[in-house]
Amino acid sequence: MIFLSDFLRADVVDVHQRTVGKVRDLIVRMGDPYPVVIALALRGHSAPPTIDWSVVRAWEAREISLNVAAADLVPHTPIPEEVWLSRDILDKQIVDTDGRRVVRVNDLQLQASNGSMLLVGVDIGTRGLLRRLNAEHVGRRLRRLTGGDLTQRVISWDAVDTLHSDERSVKLRISHRKLSLGGRDREAIFASLDDETAADTLEESSEEVQAQILARLDDERAADILEAMSPDEAADLLADLPEERREQLIAKMEADEAEDVEELLSYGEDTAGGLMTTEYVAIPASLTAEQAIDRLRELEPDAESIYYVYVIDDGERLLGVLSLRDLIVAKPTTPIAELMIKRVIAVPLDARPEDVAAVIAKYNLLAIPVVDDDDRIQGIVTIDDALDTVMPAGLKRRARAL
């Protein structure tokens, strides 16, 4: 999912990768059904204060890339129906149709569509505030530790009346009792999302919401979304479904993704196998440092999944582990067998969760590999997934009572 907070203070670089400033705000043109982003407001001395969205080439990891040089940038021409999202909407009070103030706008949900960026929702939940503070991971950990939930509270933009930037509040067309995203609104928004965005949304939803959404999706759509989820999250979701429904969805999934999920489902929930994910990076020991970097480019792993780079032999037996720093600074022709740490801390598939957590804590690891009886790597357990088991049982009970 994409939010305004992902863009604010992001670096902006020109076509030559020179920094031209940071994002101050996004500017939209109001319209039905969703406003469209038309310009960026910038902070910096080497670019105009506002530039057209049409010069944006790509955006990711808090960096926006332009398709022109800084010297060729021209100021955006303001239009009457434009609104600045951060200045005019963020932190404003939302009122219902009776004029009562009810909640505050904590963030704004955006969605890419055919090269455009649309404003599609208003985040009124605590997670929106944590996201803006760059502390959403704290909320996720708290949710795991306390057994509570910080689900998304997003109001579809089409429930918001036409906005005027000089108003002090945003007025909704829906009543106070419907402020949280209800079933129909939730399904309408969910149906409009692409598979990856829908997968991200489903992963962060409560079990109740997950069950409601999956119950209303046809098998093909549900399978596509499950394929886009991380294997461990998909397995956890499927494990909570009735066996018949679970088998139907697995049968609709692509073979590789289905195999990963079925493997994870075969392990007990209270084992390392049940905790692990199969999303990890492993490369052959025969590569040089240069070849290893090229292999990582080919694999294009998500930044969140690169905790360590594991080194394996032809039989997928775990031989060592690499740090990205050592890999990057090494001479290109250096064999990775000379760079890797050969004494790898690992746990067996049947290790108890509390033992896995204890090993991660003892060695200050971000993730730990899980191996079978022949030392073949089967997956990794991340520190986040092991965090629950680190807390003493008494502290867990007190935390759930909060």
Protein backbone atom coordinates (compact mmCIF):
# COMPACT_ATOMS: atom_id res chain seq x y z
CA MET A 1 0.00 0.00 0.00
CA ILE A 2 1.16 3.55 -0.78
CA PHE A 3 0.65 6.48 1.56
CA LEU A 4 1.42 10.20 1.52
CA SER A 5 3.90 9.65 4.36
CA ASP A 6 5.96 7.46 2.00
CA PHE A 7 6.55 10.51 -0.18
CA LEU A 8 7.02 13.30 2.35
CA ARG A 9 10.72 14.16 2.80
CA ALA A 10 11.69 11.65 0.10
CA ASP A 11 14.79 12.54 -1.92
CA VAL A 12 14.21 13.73 -5.48
CA VAL A 13 16.95 12.97 -8.04
CA ASP A 14 17.18 14.04 -11.67
CA VAL A 15 17.90 11.83 -14.66
CA HIS A 16 21.63 12.02 -13.84
CA GLN A 17 21.00 10.86 -10.25
CA ARG A 18 21.81 14.30 -8.85
CA THR A 19 19.75 15.32 -5.83
CA VAL A 20 17.51 18.29 -6.55
CA GLY A 21 15.60 18.47 -3.28
CA LYS A 22 13.15 16.72 -0.96
CA VAL A 23 9.38 16.31 -1.26
CA ARG A 24 7.48 18.88 0.75
CA ASP A 25 3.99 17.98 -0.44
CA LEU A 26 1.92 16.35 -3.17
CA ILE A 27 -0.55 18.47 -5.13
CA VAL A 28 -3.75 16.94 -6.52
CA ARG A 29 -6.41 18.05 -8.96
CA MET A 30 -9.82 17.45 -7.41
CA GLY A 31 -12.16 15.28 -9.44
CA ASP A 32 -14.42 12.21 -9.42
CA PRO A 33 -14.11 9.50 -8.42
CA TYR A 34 -10.57 10.12 -7.13
CA PRO A 35 -8.28 13.18 -7.14
CA VAL A 36 -5.15 12.84 -9.31
CA VAL A 37 -1.64 13.89 -8.25
CA ILE A 38 -0.47 16.57 -10.68
CA ALA A 39 2.60 18.09 -9.02
CA LEU A 40 5.27 17.85 -6.34
CA ALA A 41 6.15 20.63 -3.92
CA LEU A 42 9.88 20.56 -3.17
CA ARG A 43 12.38 21.82 -0.63
CA GLY A 44 15.78 22.67 -2.10
CA HIS A 45 17.73 25.36 -3.91
CA SER A 46 18.42 23.63 -7.23
CA ALA A 47 14.82 23.13 -8.38
CA PRO A 48 11.58 25.14 -8.69
CA PRO A 49 9.35 25.07 -5.59
CA THR A 50 6.77 22.99 -7.51
CA ILE A 51 7.19 20.68 -10.52
CA ASP A 52 4.73 18.68 -12.62
CA TRP A 53 4.14 15.02 -11.80
CA SER A 54 4.71 14.25 -15.50
CA VAL A 55 8.49 14.53 -14.98
CA VAL A 56 8.44 11.70 -12.41
CA ARG A 57 9.95 8.51 -13.81
CA ALA A 58 9.85 6.19 -10.79
CA TRP A 59 9.49 6.16 -7.02
CA GLU A 60 10.65 3.65 -4.44
CA ALA A 61 12.41 3.44 -1.06
CA ARG A 62 11.80 7.12 -0.30
CA GLU A 63 13.42 8.28 -3.53
CA ILE A 64 11.72 9.84 -6.52
CA SER A 65 13.53 9.69 -9.85
CA LEU A 66 12.85 12.27 -12.55
CA ASN A 67 13.10 11.83 -16.31
CA VAL A 68 14.77 15.20 -16.92
CA ALA A 69 17.90 17.03 -15.76
CA ALA A 70 17.63 19.54 -12.92
CA ALA A 71 18.49 22.37 -15.31
CA ASP A 72 15.48 21.52 -17.48
CA LEU A 73 12.88 21.62 -14.71
CA VAL A 74 10.14 24.22 -15.04
CA PRO A 75 7.71 25.39 -12.34
CA HIS A 76 4.27 23.84 -12.12
CA THR A 77 1.47 26.17 -13.20
CA PRO A 78 -1.19 26.31 -10.45
CA ILE A 79 -4.84 25.62 -11.29
CA PRO A 80 -7.96 26.66 -9.32
CA GLU A 81 -9.07 23.12 -8.40
CA GLU A 82 -5.76 21.96 -6.92
CA VAL A 83 -5.21 20.98 -3.28
CA TRP A 84 -1.99 20.37 -1.34
CA LEU A 85 -2.40 17.09 0.52
CA SER A 86 -0.15 17.71 3.52
CA ARG A 87 -0.97 21.41 3.92
CA ASP A 88 -4.71 21.24 3.27
CA ILE A 89 -5.84 17.79 4.42
CA LEU A 90 -3.31 16.10 6.73
CA ASP A 91 -4.10 16.54 10.45
CA LYS A 92 -7.42 18.21 9.67
CA GLN A 93 -10.47 17.14 11.65
CA ILE A 94 -13.06 15.05 9.83
CA VAL A 95 -16.69 15.84 10.59
CA ASP A 96 -19.71 13.73 9.80
CA THR A 97 -22.80 14.85 7.93
CA ASP A 98 -24.25 16.33 11.13
CA GLY A 99 -21.24 18.60 11.59
CA ARG A 100 -19.77 16.76 14.58
CA ARG A 101 -15.98 16.51 14.78
CA VAL A 102 -15.04 12.88 15.10
CA VAL A 103 -11.52 11.93 13.97
CA ARG A 104 -8.30 13.35 12.55
CA VAL A 105 -6.65 12.62 9.21
CA ASN A 106 -3.45 10.75 10.09
CA ASP A 107 -2.36 9.79 6.58
CA LEU A 108 -3.69 9.53 3.03
CA GLN A 109 -3.77 6.40 0.91
CA LEU A 110 -2.61 6.63 -2.71
CA GLN A 111 -2.78 4.17 -5.58
CA ALA A 112 -0.85 3.99 -8.85
CA SER A 113 -3.09 3.61 -11.89
CA ASN A 114 -1.97 3.67 -15.54
CA GLY A 115 0.95 6.00 -14.87
CA SER A 116 -1.08 8.30 -12.61
CA MET A 117 -1.19 8.52 -8.83
CA LEU A 118 -4.67 8.69 -7.29
CA LEU A 119 -5.86 9.72 -3.82
CA VAL A 120 -8.12 6.81 -2.82
CA GLY A 121 -8.48 6.84 0.96
CA VAL A 122 -8.16 8.65 4.29
CA ASP A 123 -6.28 6.84 7.08
CA ILE A 124 -7.83 7.72 10.45
CA GLY A 125 -6.17 4.95 12.48
CA THR A 126 -3.29 4.80 14.92
CA ARG A 127 -1.19 2.99 12.34
CA GLY A 128 -1.38 6.03 10.09
CA LEU A 129 0.11 8.17 12.84
CA LEU A 130 2.82 5.60 13.60
CA ARG A 131 3.65 5.42 9.90
CA ARG A 132 4.19 9.16 9.72
CA LEU A 133 6.53 8.93 12.72
CA ASN A 134 8.40 6.11 10.96
CA ALA A 135 7.43 3.89 13.87
CA GLU A 136 4.92 1.49 12.29
CA HIS A 137 7.24 -1.43 13.09
CA VAL A 138 6.79 -0.58 16.77
CA GLY A 139 3.03 -0.95 16.35
CA ARG A 140 3.42 -4.31 14.61
CA ARG A 141 5.65 -5.61 17.39
CA LEU A 142 3.28 -4.32 20.04
CA ARG A 143 0.41 -6.08 18.27
CA ARG A 144 2.32 -9.37 18.30
CA LEU A 145 3.34 -9.00 21.95
CA THR A 146 -0.01 -7.93 23.37
CA GLY A 147 -2.29 -9.98 21.17
CA GLY A 148 -4.06 -6.74 20.24
CA ASP A 149 -4.65 -5.40 16.78
CA LEU A 150 -3.71 -2.23 14.89
CA THR A 151 -5.74 -2.82 11.77
CA GLN A 152 -6.03 -0.30 9.00
CA ARG A 153 -8.78 2.29 9.46
CA VAL A 154 -9.16 3.77 6.01
CA ILE A 155 -12.18 5.62 4.66
CA SER A 156 -12.67 5.41 0.92
CA TRP A 157 -12.18 8.82 -0.69
CA ASP A 158 -15.47 8.51 -2.54
CA ALA A 159 -17.14 8.88 0.87
CA VAL A 160 -15.65 12.37 1.24
CA ASP A 161 -17.48 15.48 0.09
CA THR A 162 -15.83 17.92 -2.34
CA LEU A 163 -13.04 19.68 -0.47
CA HIS A 164 -12.16 23.37 -0.51
CA SER A 165 -8.64 24.17 0.64
CA ASP A 166 -9.79 27.11 2.75
CA GLU A 167 -12.07 24.93 4.89
CA ARG A 168 -10.85 23.97 8.35
CA SER A 169 -12.36 20.49 8.20
CA VAL A 170 -13.12 17.70 5.77
CA LYS A 171 -16.79 16.76 5.57
CA LEU A 172 -17.94 13.17 5.04
CA ARG A 173 -21.05 11.95 3.29
CA ILE A 174 -21.29 9.01 5.70
CA SER A 175 -22.59 8.96 9.25
CA HIS A 176 -20.54 8.75 12.41
CA ARG A 177 -21.36 5.06 12.99
CA LYS A 178 -19.88 4.12 9.58
CA LEU A 179 -16.53 5.86 9.94
CA SER A 180 -14.53 2.64 10.14
CA LEU A 181 -14.27 0.97 6.77
CA GLY A 182 -17.31 -1.25 6.64
CA GLY A 183 -17.83 -4.47 4.75
CA ARG A 184 -19.06 -3.03 1.48
CA ASP A 185 -16.60 -0.12 1.47
CA ARG A 186 -13.78 -2.49 2.38
CA GLU A 187 -14.72 -4.90 -0.40
CA ALA A 188 -15.01 -2.08 -2.95
CA ILE A 189 -11.55 -0.73 -2.09
CA PHE A 190 -10.07 -4.24 -1.97
CA ALA A 191 -11.51 -5.13 -5.37
CA SER A 192 -9.78 -2.09 -6.90
CA LEU A 193 -6.31 -3.07 -5.64
CA ASP A 194 -3.70 -4.92 -7.67
CA ASP A 195 -2.58 -8.32 -6.37
CA GLU A 196 0.56 -7.10 -4.58
CA THR A 197 -1.22 -4.21 -2.85
CA ALA A 198 -4.10 -6.52 -1.92
CA ALA A 199 -1.60 -9.01 -0.50
CA ASP A 200 0.06 -6.33 1.63
CA THR A 201 -3.35 -5.21 2.87
CA LEU A 202 -4.45 -8.74 3.71
CA GLU A 203 -1.21 -9.49 5.60
CA GLU A 204 -1.77 -6.50 7.88
CA SER A 205 -5.49 -7.15 8.47
CA SER A 206 -7.01 -8.89 11.46
CA GLU A 207 -7.95 -12.57 11.17
CA GLU A 208 -11.63 -11.60 11.15
CA VAL A 209 -11.18 -9.21 8.22
CA GLN A 210 -9.03 -11.76 6.37
CA ALA A 211 -11.77 -14.36 6.71
CA GLN A 212 -14.46 -11.92 5.54
CA ILE A 213 -12.49 -10.86 2.48
CA LEU A 214 -11.47 -14.38 1.44
CA ALA A 215 -15.04 -15.58 1.84
CA ARG A 216 -16.16 -13.09 -0.82
CA LEU A 217 -13.36 -13.64 -3.34
CA ASP A 218 -13.56 -16.18 -6.12
CA ASP A 219 -10.89 -18.90 -6.10
CA GLU A 220 -8.82 -17.43 -8.95
CA ARG A 221 -8.57 -13.97 -7.38
CA ALA A 222 -7.87 -15.36 -3.92
CA ALA A 223 -5.12 -17.62 -5.29
CA ASP A 224 -3.49 -14.72 -7.15
CA ILE A 225 -3.38 -12.69 -3.94
CA LEU A 226 -2.00 -15.62 -1.92
CA GLU A 227 0.78 -16.00 -4.51
CA ALA A 228 1.74 -12.35 -4.00
CA MET A 229 1.97 -12.78 -0.21
CA SER A 230 5.10 -13.96 1.57
CA PRO A 231 4.91 -17.76 1.88
CA ASP A 232 4.79 -17.80 5.69
CA GLU A 233 1.96 -15.23 5.79
CA ALA A 234 0.02 -17.15 3.13
CA ALA A 235 0.52 -20.40 5.06
CA ASP A 236 -0.69 -18.80 8.31
CA LEU A 237 -3.80 -17.50 6.56
CA LEU A 238 -4.55 -20.81 4.86
CA ALA A 239 -4.04 -22.73 8.10
CA ASP A 240 -7.04 -20.90 9.59
CA LEU A 241 -9.37 -21.89 6.75
CA PRO A 242 -11.55 -24.99 6.56
CA GLU A 243 -9.61 -27.85 4.96
CA GLU A 244 -11.82 -27.99 1.85
CA ARG A 245 -11.45 -24.26 1.15
CA ARG A 246 -7.72 -24.45 1.84
CA GLU A 247 -7.21 -27.26 -0.66
CA GLN A 248 -9.29 -25.43 -3.30
CA LEU A 249 -7.12 -22.34 -3.07
CA ILE A 250 -3.82 -24.22 -3.06
CA ALA A 251 -4.94 -26.09 -6.18
CA LYS A 252 -5.46 -22.75 -7.95
CA MET A 253 -2.02 -21.39 -7.04
CA GLU A 254 1.04 -21.61 -9.29
CA ALA A 255 3.05 -24.78 -8.65
CA ASP A 256 6.13 -23.13 -7.09
CA GLU A 257 4.16 -20.94 -4.69
CA ALA A 258 1.82 -23.80 -3.80
CA GLU A 259 4.79 -26.06 -3.04
CA ASP A 260 6.33 -23.48 -0.67
CA VAL A 261 3.04 -22.99 1.16
CA GLU A 262 2.30 -26.71 1.45
CA GLU A 263 5.79 -27.32 2.84
CA LEU A 264 5.26 -24.68 5.54
CA LEU A 265 1.83 -26.07 6.38
CA SER A 266 3.38 -29.50 6.95
CA TYR A 267 5.37 -28.28 9.97
CA GLY A 268 3.96 -27.93 13.44
CA GLU A 269 3.08 -24.43 14.55
CA ASP A 270 5.31 -24.79 17.63
CA THR A 271 8.47 -25.61 15.65
CA ALA A 272 11.12 -23.65 13.76
CA GLY A 273 9.62 -25.06 10.55
CA GLY A 274 6.26 -23.53 11.49
CA LEU A 275 7.89 -20.16 12.23
CA MET A 276 10.15 -19.89 9.20
CA THR A 277 9.72 -18.23 5.84
CA THR A 278 11.14 -19.57 2.59
CA GLU A 279 12.02 -16.06 1.41
CA TYR A 280 15.79 -15.92 1.82
CA VAL A 281 18.84 -15.38 -0.39
CA ALA A 282 21.26 -18.25 -1.06
CA ILE A 283 24.03 -18.40 -3.66
CA PRO A 284 26.51 -21.12 -4.79
CA ALA A 285 29.93 -21.27 -3.15
CA SER A 286 31.61 -21.36 -6.57
CA LEU A 287 30.91 -17.69 -7.33
CA THR A 288 33.30 -14.75 -7.10
CA ALA A 289 32.34 -11.52 -5.36
CA GLU A 290 31.49 -9.90 -8.70
CA GLN A 291 29.40 -12.88 -9.79
CA ALA A 292 27.62 -12.91 -6.44
CA ILE A 293 26.61 -9.26 -6.83
CA ASP A 294 25.40 -9.99 -10.36
CA ARG A 295 23.36 -12.91 -9.00
CA LEU A 296 21.73 -10.65 -6.42
CA ARG A 297 20.76 -8.24 -9.20
CA GLU A 298 19.16 -11.13 -11.10
CA LEU A 299 17.25 -12.33 -8.05
CA GLU A 300 16.02 -8.78 -7.23
CA PRO A 301 15.13 -9.70 -3.65
CA ASP A 302 13.01 -7.34 -1.56
CA ALA A 303 15.14 -5.18 0.71
CA GLU A 304 13.22 -6.54 3.72
CA SER A 305 14.23 -10.14 2.88
CA ILE A 306 18.00 -9.57 2.69
CA TYR A 307 19.03 -10.19 6.26
CA TYR A 308 22.06 -12.23 5.24
CA VAL A 309 23.35 -13.91 2.06
CA TYR A 310 23.74 -17.63 2.64
CA VAL A 311 26.27 -19.77 0.76
CA ILE A 312 25.34 -23.31 -0.28
CA ASP A 313 26.83 -26.20 -2.24
CA ASP A 314 25.23 -28.03 -5.17
CA GLY A 315 23.12 -30.08 -2.74
CA GLU A 316 21.83 -26.92 -1.01
CA ARG A 317 23.82 -27.73 2.12
CA LEU A 318 24.61 -24.63 4.14
CA LEU A 319 28.33 -23.81 3.96
CA GLY A 320 28.57 -20.23 5.15
CA VAL A 321 27.07 -16.76 5.38
CA LEU A 322 28.12 -13.44 3.83
CA SER A 323 27.68 -9.89 4.99
CA LEU A 324 26.66 -7.47 2.25
CA ARG A 325 29.40 -5.09 3.36
CA ASP A 326 32.16 -7.69 2.89
CA LEU A 327 30.71 -8.60 -0.48
CA ILE A 328 30.60 -5.03 -1.73
CA VAL A 329 34.11 -4.00 -0.62
CA ALA A 330 35.81 -7.22 -1.77
CA LYS A 331 37.89 -7.36 -4.94
CA PRO A 332 35.67 -8.55 -7.81
CA THR A 333 37.70 -11.73 -8.42
CA THR A 334 37.73 -12.85 -4.78
CA PRO A 335 35.96 -16.22 -4.33
CA ILE A 336 33.10 -15.89 -1.89
CA ALA A 337 34.35 -19.07 -0.23
CA GLU A 338 37.19 -16.91 1.09
CA LEU A 339 34.83 -14.15 2.29
CA MET A 340 32.10 -16.18 3.95
CA ILE A 341 31.82 -16.92 7.64
CA LYS A 342 32.05 -20.70 7.79
CA ARG A 343 30.72 -21.23 11.30
CA VAL A 344 27.03 -20.60 10.72
CA ILE A 345 24.59 -20.59 13.61
CA ALA A 346 21.50 -22.58 12.55
CA VAL A 347 18.58 -24.44 14.12
CA PRO A 348 16.84 -27.71 13.13
CA LEU A 349 13.32 -27.87 11.74
CA ASP A 350 11.88 -29.28 14.95
CA ALA A 351 13.50 -26.70 17.26
CA ARG A 352 11.10 -25.18 19.77
CA PRO A 353 10.20 -21.50 19.18
CA GLU A 354 11.60 -20.46 22.56
CA ASP A 355 14.93 -22.13 21.72
CA VAL A 356 15.04 -20.37 18.35
CA ALA A 357 14.39 -17.03 20.05
CA ALA A 358 17.07 -17.73 22.65
CA VAL A 359 19.70 -18.43 19.96
CA ILE A 360 18.74 -15.28 18.02
CA ALA A 361 19.05 -13.23 21.21
CA LYS A 362 22.32 -14.86 22.29
CA TYR A 363 24.10 -14.13 19.01
CA ASN A 364 22.31 -10.84 18.27
CA LEU A 365 21.02 -12.08 14.90
CA LEU A 366 18.43 -10.53 12.57
CA ALA A 367 17.51 -13.97 11.23
CA ILE A 368 18.62 -17.56 11.66
CA PRO A 369 18.67 -20.34 9.04
CA VAL A 370 16.63 -23.50 9.56
CA VAL A 371 18.26 -26.71 8.29
CA ASP A 372 17.19 -30.33 7.89
CA ASP A 373 19.10 -33.40 9.10
CA ASP A 374 21.50 -33.12 6.13
CA ASP A 375 22.27 -29.43 6.84
CA ARG A 376 20.27 -28.30 3.80
CA ILE A 377 18.76 -24.87 4.33
CA GLN A 378 14.94 -24.92 4.35
CA GLY A 379 14.14 -21.37 5.38
CA ILE A 380 14.91 -18.66 7.92
CA VAL A 381 13.25 -17.41 11.10
CA THR A 382 13.43 -13.62 11.40
CA ILE A 383 13.82 -11.73 14.63
CA ASP A 384 10.30 -10.31 14.29
CA ASP A 385 8.73 -13.75 14.01
CA ALA A 386 10.74 -14.97 17.00
CA LEU A 387 9.98 -11.92 19.13
CA ASP A 388 6.83 -13.39 20.69
CA THR A 389 8.77 -16.23 22.23
CA VAL A 390 11.40 -13.94 23.78
CA MET A 391 8.93 -12.50 26.29
CA PRO A 392 8.44 -14.41 29.54
CA ALA A 393 4.99 -15.97 29.81
CA GLY A 394 4.03 -13.77 32.77
CA LEU A 395 4.94 -10.61 30.89
CA LYS A 396 2.92 -11.78 27.90
CA ARG A 397 -0.16 -12.24 30.06
CA ARG A 398 0.24 -8.78 31.56
CA ALA A 399 0.77 -7.27 28.09
CA ARG A 400 -2.42 -8.87 26.76
CA ALA A 401 -4.33 -7.37 29.67
CA LEU A 402 -3.34 -3.82 28.71
